[in-house]
Each structure stands twice: as structure tokens, then as C-alpha cells.
C-alpha atoms as a PDB file:
ATOM      1  CA  MET A   1     -88.427 -36.859-189.106  1.00  0.00           C
ATOM      2  CA  HIS A   2     -88.732 -38.822-192.343  1.00  0.00           C
ATOM      3  CA  GLY A   3     -89.155 -36.314-195.168  1.00  0.00           C
ATOM      4  CA  LYS A   4     -87.329 -33.405-193.514  1.00  0.00           C
ATOM      5  CA  TRP A   5     -85.044 -32.943-196.529  1.00  0.00           C
ATOM      6  CA  TYR A   6     -86.519 -34.715-199.515  1.00  0.00           C
ATOM      7  CA  ASP A   7     -90.239 -35.335-198.839  1.00  0.00           C
ATOM      8  CA  ASP A   8     -89.626 -38.743-200.421  1.00  0.00           C
ATOM      9  CA  ALA A   9     -90.547 -42.268-199.295  1.00  0.00           C
ATOM     10  CA  CYS A  10     -87.340 -43.780-200.722  1.00  0.00           C
ATOM     11  CA  GLY A  11     -85.394 -45.701-198.069  1.00  0.00           C
ATOM     12  CA  ALA A  12     -82.049 -44.488-199.430  1.00  0.00           C
ATOM     13  CA  ALA A  13     -83.244 -40.874-199.218  1.00  0.00           C
ATOM     14  CA  PHE A  14     -84.366 -41.507-195.640  1.00  0.00           C
ATOM     15  CA  GLY A  15     -80.952 -42.995-194.889  1.00  0.00           C
ATOM     16  CA  MET A  16     -79.321 -39.734-195.967  1.00  0.00           C
ATOM     17  CA  GLU A  17     -81.705 -37.842-193.711  1.00  0.00           C
ATOM     18  CA  LEU A  18     -80.520 -40.036-190.822  1.00  0.00           C
ATOM     19  CA  ILE A  19     -76.745 -39.908-191.354  1.00  0.00           C
ATOM     20  CA  GLY A  20     -76.173 -37.385-194.132  1.00  0.00           C
ATOM     21  CA  GLU A  21     -75.423 -34.304-192.050  1.00  0.00           C
ATOM     22  CA  ARG A  22     -71.834 -33.077-192.175  1.00  0.00           C
ATOM     23  CA  TRP A  23     -69.526 -35.069-189.862  1.00  0.00           C
ATOM     24  CA  SER A  24     -72.123 -37.732-189.041  1.00  0.00           C
ATOM     25  CA  ILE A  25     -70.424 -40.495-191.033  1.00  0.00           C
ATOM     26  CA  PRO A  26     -66.894 -39.795-189.681  1.00  0.00           C
ATOM     27  CA  VAL A  27     -68.287 -39.818-186.131  1.00  0.00           C
ATOM     28  CA  ILE A  28     -70.064 -43.129-186.763  1.00  0.00           C
ATOM     29  CA  ARG A  29     -66.901 -44.522-188.336  1.00  0.00           C
ATOM     30  CA  GLU A  30     -64.776 -43.625-185.308  1.00  0.00           C
ATOM     31  CA  LEU A  31     -67.195 -45.594-183.079  1.00  0.00           C
ATOM     32  CA  MET A  32     -67.352 -48.674-185.294  1.00  0.00           C
ATOM     33  CA  LEU A  33     -64.626 -50.542-183.371  1.00  0.00           C
ATOM     34  CA  GLY A  34     -66.011 -49.747-179.922  1.00  0.00           C
ATOM     35  CA  GLY A  35     -67.046 -47.027-177.506  1.00  0.00           C
ATOM     36  CA  ARG A  36     -64.903 -43.893-177.140  1.00  0.00           C
ATOM     37  CA  ARG A  37     -64.772 -40.835-174.952  1.00  0.00           C
ATOM     38  CA  PHE A  38     -65.839 -37.441-176.306  1.00  0.00           C
ATOM     39  CA  ARG A  39     -62.289 -36.108-176.217  1.00  0.00           C
ATOM     40  CA  ASP A  40     -60.932 -39.151-178.056  1.00  0.00           C
ATOM     41  CA  ILE A  41     -63.425 -38.672-180.905  1.00  0.00           C
ATOM     42  CA  ARG A  42     -62.544 -34.983-181.029  1.00  0.00           C
ATOM     43  CA  THR A  43     -58.801 -35.757-181.146  1.00  0.00           C
ATOM     44  CA  SER A  44     -59.312 -38.169-184.045  1.00  0.00           C
ATOM     45  CA  LEU A  45     -61.264 -35.550-186.008  1.00  0.00           C
ATOM     46  CA  PRO A  46     -59.336 -32.289-185.484  1.00  0.00           C
ATOM     47  CA  GLY A  47     -61.433 -30.396-188.034  1.00  0.00           C
ATOM     48  CA  LEU A  48     -64.568 -31.019-185.982  1.00  0.00           C
ATOM     49  CA  SER A  49     -65.448 -28.430-183.335  1.00  0.00           C
ATOM     50  CA  ALA A  50     -66.612 -29.466-179.870  1.00  0.00           C
ATOM     51  CA  LYS A  51     -69.958 -27.752-180.520  1.00  0.00           C
ATOM     52  CA  THR A  52     -70.609 -29.650-183.747  1.00  0.00           C
ATOM     53  CA  LEU A  53     -69.491 -32.960-182.224  1.00  0.00           C
ATOM     54  CA  THR A  54     -71.902 -32.425-179.335  1.00  0.00           C
ATOM     55  CA  GLU A  55     -74.717 -31.706-181.797  1.00  0.00           C
ATOM     56  CA  ARG A  56     -73.955 -34.765-183.915  1.00  0.00           C
ATOM     57  CA  LEU A  57     -73.715 -37.111-180.950  1.00  0.00           C
ATOM     58  CA  GLU A  58     -76.963 -35.767-179.499  1.00  0.00           C
ATOM     59  CA  GLY A  59     -78.685 -36.129-182.860  1.00  0.00           C
ATOM     60  CA  LEU A  60     -77.418 -39.657-183.465  1.00  0.00           C
ATOM     61  CA  GLU A  61     -78.407 -40.615-179.931  1.00  0.00           C
ATOM     62  CA  ALA A  62     -81.923 -39.271-180.453  1.00  0.00           C
ATOM     63  CA  LEU A  63     -82.190 -41.358-183.635  1.00  0.00           C
ATOM     64  CA  GLY A  64     -81.132 -44.548-181.831  1.00  0.00           C
ATOM     65  CA  ILE A  65     -77.813 -44.897-183.688  1.00  0.00           C
ATOM     66  CA  VAL A  66     -75.545 -43.925-180.755  1.00  0.00           C
ATOM     67  CA  ARG A  67     -75.911 -44.396-177.001  1.00  0.00           C
ATOM     68  CA  ARG A  68     -74.029 -43.139-173.976  1.00  0.00           C
ATOM     69  CA  THR A  69     -72.731 -45.614-171.421  1.00  0.00           C
ATOM     70  CA  LEU A  70     -70.711 -45.345-168.247  1.00  0.00           C
ATOM     71  CA  VAL A  71     -67.618 -47.507-168.001  1.00  0.00           C
ATOM     72  CA  PRO A  72     -67.715 -49.104-164.525  1.00  0.00           C
ATOM     73  CA  PRO A  73     -65.131 -48.397-161.796  1.00  0.00           C
ATOM     74  CA  PRO A  74     -62.247 -47.991-161.483  1.00  0.00           C
ATOM     75  CA  VAL A  75     -62.446 -46.065-164.792  1.00  0.00           C
ATOM     76  CA  SER A  76     -65.899 -44.469-164.359  1.00  0.00           C
ATOM     77  CA  VAL A  77     -65.947 -42.434-167.571  1.00  0.00           C
ATOM     78  CA  GLN A  78     -68.727 -41.781-170.050  1.00  0.00           C
ATOM     79  CA  VAL A  79     -68.266 -43.196-173.530  1.00  0.00           C
ATOM     80  CA  TYR A  80     -70.282 -43.068-176.711  1.00  0.00           C
ATOM     81  CA  GLU A  81     -70.913 -46.293-178.594  1.00  0.00           C
ATOM     82  CA  LEU A  82     -72.993 -47.484-181.495  1.00  0.00           C
ATOM     83  CA  THR A  83     -76.208 -49.359-180.838  1.00  0.00           C
ATOM     84  CA  ARG A  84     -76.782 -52.706-182.535  1.00  0.00           C
ATOM     85  CA  TRP A  85     -78.666 -50.823-185.260  1.00  0.00           C
ATOM     86  CA  GLY A  86     -75.760 -48.382-185.571  1.00  0.00           C
ATOM     87  CA  LEU A  87     -73.233 -51.215-185.906  1.00  0.00           C
ATOM     88  CA  ALA A  88     -75.343 -52.644-188.720  1.00  0.00           C
ATOM     89  CA  LEU A  89     -74.214 -49.663-190.804  1.00  0.00           C
ATOM     90  CA  GLU A  90     -70.757 -51.183-191.404  1.00  0.00           C
ATOM     91  CA  PRO A  91     -71.711 -53.209-194.544  1.00  0.00           C
ATOM     92  CA  THR A  92     -73.351 -50.080-195.975  1.00  0.00           C
ATOM     93  CA  LEU A  93     -70.249 -47.989-195.287  1.00  0.00           C
ATOM     94  CA  GLN A  94     -68.070 -50.722-196.782  1.00  0.00           C
ATOM     95  CA  GLU A  95     -70.034 -50.750-200.027  1.00  0.00           C
ATOM     96  CA  LEU A  96     -69.988 -46.952-200.128  1.00  0.00           C
ATOM     97  CA  GLY A  97     -66.215 -47.002-199.602  1.00  0.00           C
ATOM     98  CA  ARG A  98     -65.615 -49.596-202.336  1.00  0.00           C
ATOM     99  CA  TRP A  99     -67.748 -47.553-204.714  1.00  0.00           C
ATOM    100  CA  ALA A 100     -66.142 -44.211-203.833  1.00  0.00           C
ATOM    101  CA  VAL A 101     -62.493 -45.266-204.163  1.00  0.00           C
ATOM    102  CA  ARG A 102     -63.180 -46.221-207.778  1.00  0.00           C
ATOM    103  CA  SER A 103     -63.390 -42.509-208.537  1.00  0.00           C
ATOM    104  CA  THR A 104     -60.286 -40.992-210.095  1.00  0.00           C
ATOM    105  CA  LEU A 105     -60.887 -38.006-207.792  1.00  0.00           C
ATOM    106  CA  HIS A 106     -60.189 -39.989-204.620  1.00  0.00           C
ATOM    107  CA  ASP A 107     -57.084 -38.643-202.870  1.00  0.00           C
ATOM    108  CA  PRO A 108     -55.395 -41.207-200.563  1.00  0.00           C
ATOM    109  CA  ALA A 109     -52.879 -38.570-199.446  1.00  0.00           C
ATOM    110  CA  LEU A 110     -55.492 -36.847-197.279  1.00  0.00           C
ATOM    111  CA  PRO A 111     -55.299 -37.598-193.530  1.00  0.00           C
ATOM    112  CA  LEU A 112     -56.511 -41.013-192.403  1.00  0.00           C
ATOM    113  CA  THR A 113     -57.356 -41.957-188.828  1.00  0.00           C
ATOM    114  CA  PRO A 114     -56.181 -45.271-187.310  1.00  0.00           C
ATOM    115  CA  VAL A 115     -59.773 -46.508-186.990  1.00  0.00           C
ATOM    116  CA  SER A 116     -60.462 -45.589-190.610  1.00  0.00           C
ATOM    117  CA  LEU A 117     -57.389 -47.580-191.663  1.00  0.00           C
ATOM    118  CA  MET A 118     -58.555 -50.657-189.760  1.00  0.00           C
ATOM    119  CA  LEU A 119     -62.030 -50.406-191.255  1.00  0.00           C
ATOM    120  CA  SER A 120     -60.524 -50.040-194.722  1.00  0.00           C
ATOM    121  CA  MET A 121     -58.659 -53.312-194.168  1.00  0.00           C
ATOM    122  CA  ARG A 122     -61.897 -55.048-193.208  1.00  0.00           C
ATOM    123  CA  THR A 123     -63.443 -53.536-196.334  1.00  0.00           C
ATOM    124  CA  MET A 124     -60.713 -54.325-198.869  1.00  0.00           C
ATOM    125  CA  PHE A 125     -59.832 -57.767-197.476  1.00  0.00           C
ATOM    126  CA  ASP A 126     -60.264 -60.580-200.003  1.00  0.00           C
ATOM    127  CA  GLY A 127     -60.854 -63.757-198.043  1.00  0.00           C
ATOM    128  CA  ARG A 128     -60.908 -66.035-201.097  1.00  0.00           C
ATOM    129  CA  GLU A 129     -57.122 -66.305-200.995  1.00  0.00           C
ATOM    130  CA  ALA A 130     -56.940 -66.599-197.215  1.00  0.00           C
ATOM    131  CA  GLN A 131     -58.087 -70.190-196.835  1.00  0.00           C
ATOM    132  CA  GLY A 132     -55.647 -72.179-194.730  1.00  0.00           C
ATOM    133  CA  LEU A 133     -54.091 -69.079-193.158  1.00  0.00           C
ATOM    134  CA  GLU A 134     -54.527 -68.618-189.410  1.00  0.00           C
ATOM    135  CA  LEU A 135     -52.727 -65.623-187.959  1.00  0.00           C
ATOM    136  CA  TRP A 136     -52.650 -63.146-185.120  1.00  0.00           C
ATOM    137  CA  ILE A 137     -51.598 -59.728-186.417  1.00  0.00           C
ATOM    138  CA  ALA A 138     -50.634 -56.609-184.486  1.00  0.00           C
ATOM    139  CA  PHE A 139     -51.206 -53.204-186.056  1.00  0.00           C
ATOM    140  CA  ASP A 140     -49.449 -50.305-184.319  1.00  0.00           C
ATOM    141  CA  VAL A 141     -50.475 -46.886-185.623  1.00  0.00           C
ATOM    142  CA  GLY A 142     -48.809 -44.165-183.608  1.00  0.00           C
ATOM    143  CA  ASP A 143     -50.101 -44.677-180.080  1.00  0.00           C
ATOM    144  CA  ALA A 144     -53.070 -46.782-181.228  1.00  0.00           C
ATOM    145  CA  ARG A 145     -52.897 -50.581-180.957  1.00  0.00           C
ATOM    146  CA  PHE A 146     -55.095 -53.041-182.823  1.00  0.00           C
ATOM    147  CA  ALA A 147     -55.259 -56.837-182.895  1.00  0.00           C
ATOM    148  CA  GLY A 148     -56.213 -58.741-186.008  1.00  0.00           C
ATOM    149  CA  ARG A 149     -57.328 -62.375-186.155  1.00  0.00           C
ATOM    150  CA  LEU A 150     -57.331 -64.149-189.518  1.00  0.00           C
ATOM    151  CA  ARG A 151     -59.187 -67.454-189.454  1.00  0.00           C
ATOM    152  CA  ASP A 152     -61.506 -69.387-191.793  1.00  0.00           C
ATOM    153  CA  GLY A 153     -61.082 -66.773-194.510  1.00  0.00           C
ATOM    154  CA  GLU A 154     -62.312 -63.935-192.287  1.00  0.00           C
ATOM    155  CA  LEU A 155     -60.430 -61.027-190.740  1.00  0.00           C
ATOM    156  CA  ALA A 156     -61.513 -59.579-187.400  1.00  0.00           C
ATOM    157  CA  ILE A 157     -59.853 -56.413-186.076  1.00  0.00           C
ATOM    158  CA  HIS A 158     -60.337 -54.886-182.642  1.00  0.00           C
ATOM    159  CA  PRO A 159     -58.604 -52.322-180.410  1.00  0.00           C
ATOM    160  CA  ALA A 160     -55.871 -54.038-178.425  1.00  0.00           C
ATOM    161  CA  GLY A 161     -55.166 -51.640-175.552  1.00  0.00           C
ATOM    162  CA  GLU A 162     -51.506 -52.176-174.758  1.00  0.00           C
ATOM    163  CA  GLY A 163     -51.272 -54.700-177.577  1.00  0.00           C
ATOM    164  CA  PHE A 164     -49.944 -58.227-177.290  1.00  0.00           C
ATOM    165  CA  ALA A 165     -46.441 -59.585-177.203  1.00  0.00           C
ATOM    166  CA  THR A 166     -46.310 -62.522-179.628  1.00  0.00           C
ATOM    167  CA  PRO A 167     -48.304 -61.970-182.835  1.00  0.00           C
ATOM    168  CA  ASP A 168     -47.391 -63.870-185.989  1.00  0.00           C
ATOM    169  CA  LEU A 169     -46.952 -60.532-187.770  1.00  0.00           C
ATOM    170  CA  ARG A 170     -46.567 -56.983-186.518  1.00  0.00           C
ATOM    171  CA  PHE A 171     -47.008 -53.859-188.635  1.00  0.00           C
ATOM    172  CA  LYS A 172     -45.841 -50.583-187.161  1.00  0.00           C
ATOM    173  CA  ALA A 173     -45.922 -46.975-188.405  1.00  0.00           C
ATOM    174  CA  ALA A 174     -46.293 -43.508-186.971  1.00  0.00           C
ATOM    175  CA  THR A 175     -49.334 -42.710-189.134  1.00  0.00           C
ATOM    176  CA  ALA A 176     -52.167 -44.568-190.826  1.00  0.00           C
ATOM    177  CA  ASN A 177     -51.190 -43.119-194.213  1.00  0.00           C
ATOM    178  CA  ALA A 178     -47.830 -44.904-194.041  1.00  0.00           C
ATOM    179  CA  TYR A 179     -49.659 -48.226-194.411  1.00  0.00           C
ATOM    180  CA  LEU A 180     -51.363 -47.341-197.694  1.00  0.00           C
ATOM    181  CA  PRO A 181     -48.529 -47.655-200.259  1.00  0.00           C
ATOM    182  CA  VAL A 182     -47.587 -51.075-198.848  1.00  0.00           C
ATOM    183  CA  PHE A 183     -51.052 -52.579-198.319  1.00  0.00           C
ATOM    184  CA  TYR A 184     -52.757 -51.056-201.357  1.00  0.00           C
ATOM    185  CA  GLY A 185     -49.969 -49.731-203.573  1.00  0.00           C
ATOM    186  CA  LYS A 186     -48.108 -53.061-203.244  1.00  0.00           C
ATOM    187  CA  LYS A 187     -44.777 -51.363-202.649  1.00  0.00           C
ATOM    188  CA  THR A 188     -42.131 -52.814-200.389  1.00  0.00           C
ATOM    189  CA  PRO A 189     -41.672 -50.972-197.094  1.00  0.00           C
ATOM    190  CA  GLN A 190     -38.310 -49.780-198.391  1.00  0.00           C
ATOM    191  CA  GLY A 191     -39.832 -48.670-201.680  1.00  0.00           C
ATOM    192  CA  ALA A 192     -42.468 -46.739-199.755  1.00  0.00           C
ATOM    193  CA  GLY A 193     -39.859 -44.764-197.828  1.00  0.00           C
ATOM    194  CA  GLY A 194     -39.340 -47.088-194.880  1.00  0.00           C
ATOM    195  CA  HIS A 195     -42.138 -45.545-192.811  1.00  0.00           C
ATOM    196  CA  LEU A 196     -43.818 -48.913-192.183  1.00  0.00           C
ATOM    197  CA  THR A 197     -41.938 -51.725-190.459  1.00  0.00           C
ATOM    198  CA  ILE A 198     -42.942 -55.378-190.581  1.00  0.00           C
ATOM    199  CA  GLU A 199     -41.941 -57.962-188.005  1.00  0.00           C
ATOM    200  CA  GLY A 200     -42.384 -61.662-188.711  1.00  0.00           C
ATOM    201  CA  ASP A 201     -41.797 -64.153-191.476  1.00  0.00           C
ATOM    202  CA  PRO A 202     -41.342 -62.228-194.788  1.00  0.00           C
ATOM    203  CA  GLU A 203     -43.176 -64.835-196.875  1.00  0.00           C
ATOM    204  CA  LEU A 204     -46.088 -64.874-194.429  1.00  0.00           C
ATOM    205  CA  ALA A 205     -46.197 -61.087-194.551  1.00  0.00           C
ATOM    206  CA  ARG A 206     -46.237 -61.153-198.361  1.00  0.00           C
ATOM    207  CA  ARG A 207     -49.142 -63.619-198.394  1.00  0.00           C
ATOM    208  CA  PHE A 208     -51.039 -61.478-195.914  1.00  0.00           C
ATOM    209  CA  LEU A 209     -50.478 -58.242-197.846  1.00  0.00           C
ATOM    210  CA  ASP A 210     -51.724 -59.915-201.033  1.00  0.00           C
ATOM    211  CA  LEU A 211     -55.150 -60.270-199.393  1.00  0.00           C
ATOM    212  CA  PHE A 212     -55.883 -56.532-199.667  1.00  0.00           C
ATOM    213  CA  VAL A 213     -57.049 -55.356-203.080  1.00  0.00           C
ATOM    214  CA  LEU A 214     -58.524 -52.030-204.142  1.00  0.00           C
ATOM    215  CA  PRO A 215     -61.287 -52.091-206.769  1.00  0.00           C
ATOM    216  CA  PRO A 216     -60.236 -50.768-210.188  1.00  0.00           C
ATOM    217  CA  LYS A 217     -60.782 -47.139-211.069  1.00  0.00           C
ATOM    218  CA  CYS A 218     -63.894 -46.368-213.090  1.00  0.00           C
ATOM    219  CA  THR A 219     -62.962 -44.523-216.262  1.00  0.00           C
ATOM    220  CA  ASP A 220     -66.231 -44.653-218.212  1.00  0.00           C
END
């Protein structure tokens, strides 16, 4: 109910009443690239108990942000996915992320999920320098596979299942955190400890990596 926390007509305050409970935003984030099973969400967020995840999913479903669907045979499993209104949260989360990483208190060494990494790329991508580049990119993060399509200055990223065999570039690491010093710290893979491998033309990879820029830290 609007007003349950703040008794305030402000839309931003109401937004916090909708998604401000603990774990709501990480759950929404993990669904931003497509529907997932309960156990897959739980595995991605190991600090979240099954009881709390059930409560958050039920609450978000009641609000119209999440819905349950049944994947048709031969799979026949229940998945949770964002509604169209829920998906519309991505620009809001992107702006919140850009604002938050400007804090000197932000710690990039904390655990990062594969989905969170992909969303960060969509957030920190600077398409102004991408004109003329058309690429298929594979991102392998542990057992997770994602496909990226760069075209017309825009970057689309989606889960790729088993992946695809012939991308223009392939990035591969055991963890999402291994990507950060190369994509955002602008280190070479060797300089970052060799945890991220890059397959494809080195100059093309350099141009692609240059498209990801963190906002400057706010010191005043």
C-alpha cells in the first residue's frame, strides 16, 4: 500500500516502498536478463535464505513486478520472470548504479554475479565511440554463457545457453570479478593476473574494451 513506510505522496518514496525491502533489488536484477528457476536465483544469491526469497518473490508478484510462468514441455518447469513493468526498472537501476559507483566507499572486490556483470556492461557502455563497430561477443563466466551483439552504437546482451561457436571476440573467466580490472581498471589480462582470457583480434578487443568507462569518483 502506498504510504506504508513514509506516508508521503512522493513517487520516489513510493518506489522505495515497492522495491526497497532487503534483497528485492538483487532478486529483480537476477531476473533482468530473463526468467529463472527458484533454485537458480537462490544459487546466485547465496546469502539469501529460501524463506526470504519466497517472501520477496511473492511480494513482487503481488505488486505486478514479477510473474510466474511454466516453461512448456519437454522442460515443464516453473520460472519467475519480470513483467513488462518490472523490466522497465532497468534504466532506473542503471542510473542508481552510475550514481553509487561514484562513491569512494564502493568496494568492487565484493562478490559479483554473472548477471550483475552483464548488466554493469550495459550500464557502463559508451556507445559514442562504437559507431562503425559490428561484433558478436561471447562472455563466459564460470558455467554461465552470454551473447553480446554490438551494432549501431548499441550493445545487447542475453543468456546464450550453450553459447555459440564463432563470435568475433570471446571473453572467458571463472568468476565475474575477474572481468573488472580489465574492463574497468583498463589493465591487460596479464597485468590483472591472467584470470581473464580473450580470444580474437587483439586490436578489436582493445577497441571494444575502450567502450566501457566508469564515472569519476565524487570527492566533494
